[in-house]
Every structure is written in C-alpha cells, then in structure tokens.
Amino acid sequence: MDMDPTKLAAAQHLLGARSETETVDLALDYVVSIGQEFAALDRLAALGGLEDPFAERPKARRVAER
C-alpha cells in the first residue's frame, strides 16, 4: 500500500501499535466499528427512539414577554 508516512506514524503513535501492519489493522477495526455504531443509531432513530438534537425547536418565551 502507498500511504502518507506522516499520517501512518501519527496513527501508530495514537493507537500504540507496534508495527505499521498493526496500525492499519487497528485503524480498519476502528472504522468498521464506527460504521456499525452509526448503523445501529440509524436503526434506533427509524424506530423513533432518538430525538434529533439539530431539529428546529420553537424559541422559549421569557416570562417578561407575556
């Protein structure tokens, strides 16, 4: 594989990997697990089990404005 050696070294340090091969393997494990987590959250949201934190909400009125 041809990859940026600086990124590989940074990932190896962050992951605490002993080799470049272990670094790539751990990074792939991480990406796959994140994908699985997002898929699970998508399924939960489809069932109505999550509230969208980015949805527009009506602004709360202050007591003084009434």
Protein backbone atom coordinates (compact mmCIF):
# COMPACT_ATOMS: atom_id res chain seq x y z
CA MET A 1 0.00 0.00 0.00
CA ASP A 2 1.12 3.51 -0.71
CA MET A 3 0.27 5.93 2.09
CA ASP A 4 1.39 9.13 3.74
CA PRO A 5 4.20 8.11 6.15
CA THR A 6 3.50 11.07 8.44
CA LYS A 7 -0.15 10.06 8.87
CA LEU A 8 0.85 6.44 9.37
CA ALA A 9 3.37 7.38 12.07
CA ALA A 10 0.82 9.63 13.80
CA ALA A 11 -1.80 6.88 13.74
CA GLN A 12 0.73 4.34 15.01
CA HIS A 13 1.59 6.62 17.92
CA LEU A 14 -2.06 7.35 18.76
CA LEU A 15 -3.05 3.70 18.58
CA GLY A 16 0.03 2.46 20.41
CA ALA A 17 0.62 -0.04 17.61
CA ARG A 18 3.90 -1.94 17.42
CA SER A 19 4.07 -2.09 13.62
CA GLU A 20 2.67 -0.45 10.52
CA THR A 21 0.61 -3.57 9.82
CA GLU A 22 -0.91 -3.46 13.30
CA THR A 23 -1.60 0.25 12.82
CA VAL A 24 -3.56 -0.35 9.63
CA ASP A 25 -5.42 -3.29 11.17
CA LEU A 26 -6.41 -1.28 14.26
CA ALA A 27 -7.44 1.69 12.13
CA LEU A 28 -9.64 -0.55 9.98
CA ASP A 29 -11.19 -2.09 13.11
CA TYR A 30 -11.98 1.42 14.32
CA VAL A 31 -13.61 2.48 11.05
CA VAL A 32 -15.70 -0.69 10.88
CA SER A 33 -16.87 -0.29 14.49
CA ILE A 34 -17.85 3.35 13.93
CA GLY A 35 -19.82 2.29 10.85
CA GLN A 36 -21.63 -0.36 12.89
CA GLU A 37 -22.42 2.16 15.64
CA PHE A 38 -23.87 4.64 13.15
CA ALA A 39 -25.94 1.89 11.52
CA ALA A 40 -27.32 0.90 14.94
CA LEU A 41 -28.16 4.53 15.72
CA ASP A 42 -29.88 4.88 12.34
CA ARG A 43 -31.99 1.80 13.11
CA LEU A 44 -32.87 3.18 16.54
CA ALA A 45 -33.79 6.57 15.07
CA ALA A 46 -36.00 4.86 12.46
CA LEU A 47 -37.88 3.18 15.31
CA GLY A 48 -38.48 6.58 16.90
CA GLY A 49 -36.05 6.00 19.73
CA LEU A 50 -33.95 9.12 19.25
CA GLU A 51 -34.72 12.81 19.24
CA ASP A 52 -32.97 14.89 16.58
CA PRO A 53 -30.73 17.31 18.51
CA PHE A 54 -30.44 19.52 15.41
CA ALA A 55 -34.17 19.86 14.76
CA GLU A 56 -35.57 23.36 14.95
CA ARG A 57 -37.41 23.97 18.17
CA PRO A 58 -39.73 26.84 18.97
CA LYS A 59 -37.93 29.51 20.93
CA ALA A 60 -38.92 29.64 24.57
CA ARG A 61 -40.62 32.85 25.57
CA ARG A 62 -39.44 34.66 28.64
CA VAL A 63 -41.83 35.31 31.46
CA ALA A 64 -41.41 39.08 30.98
CA GLU A 65 -42.61 38.83 27.35
CA ARG A 66 -46.04 37.51 28.31
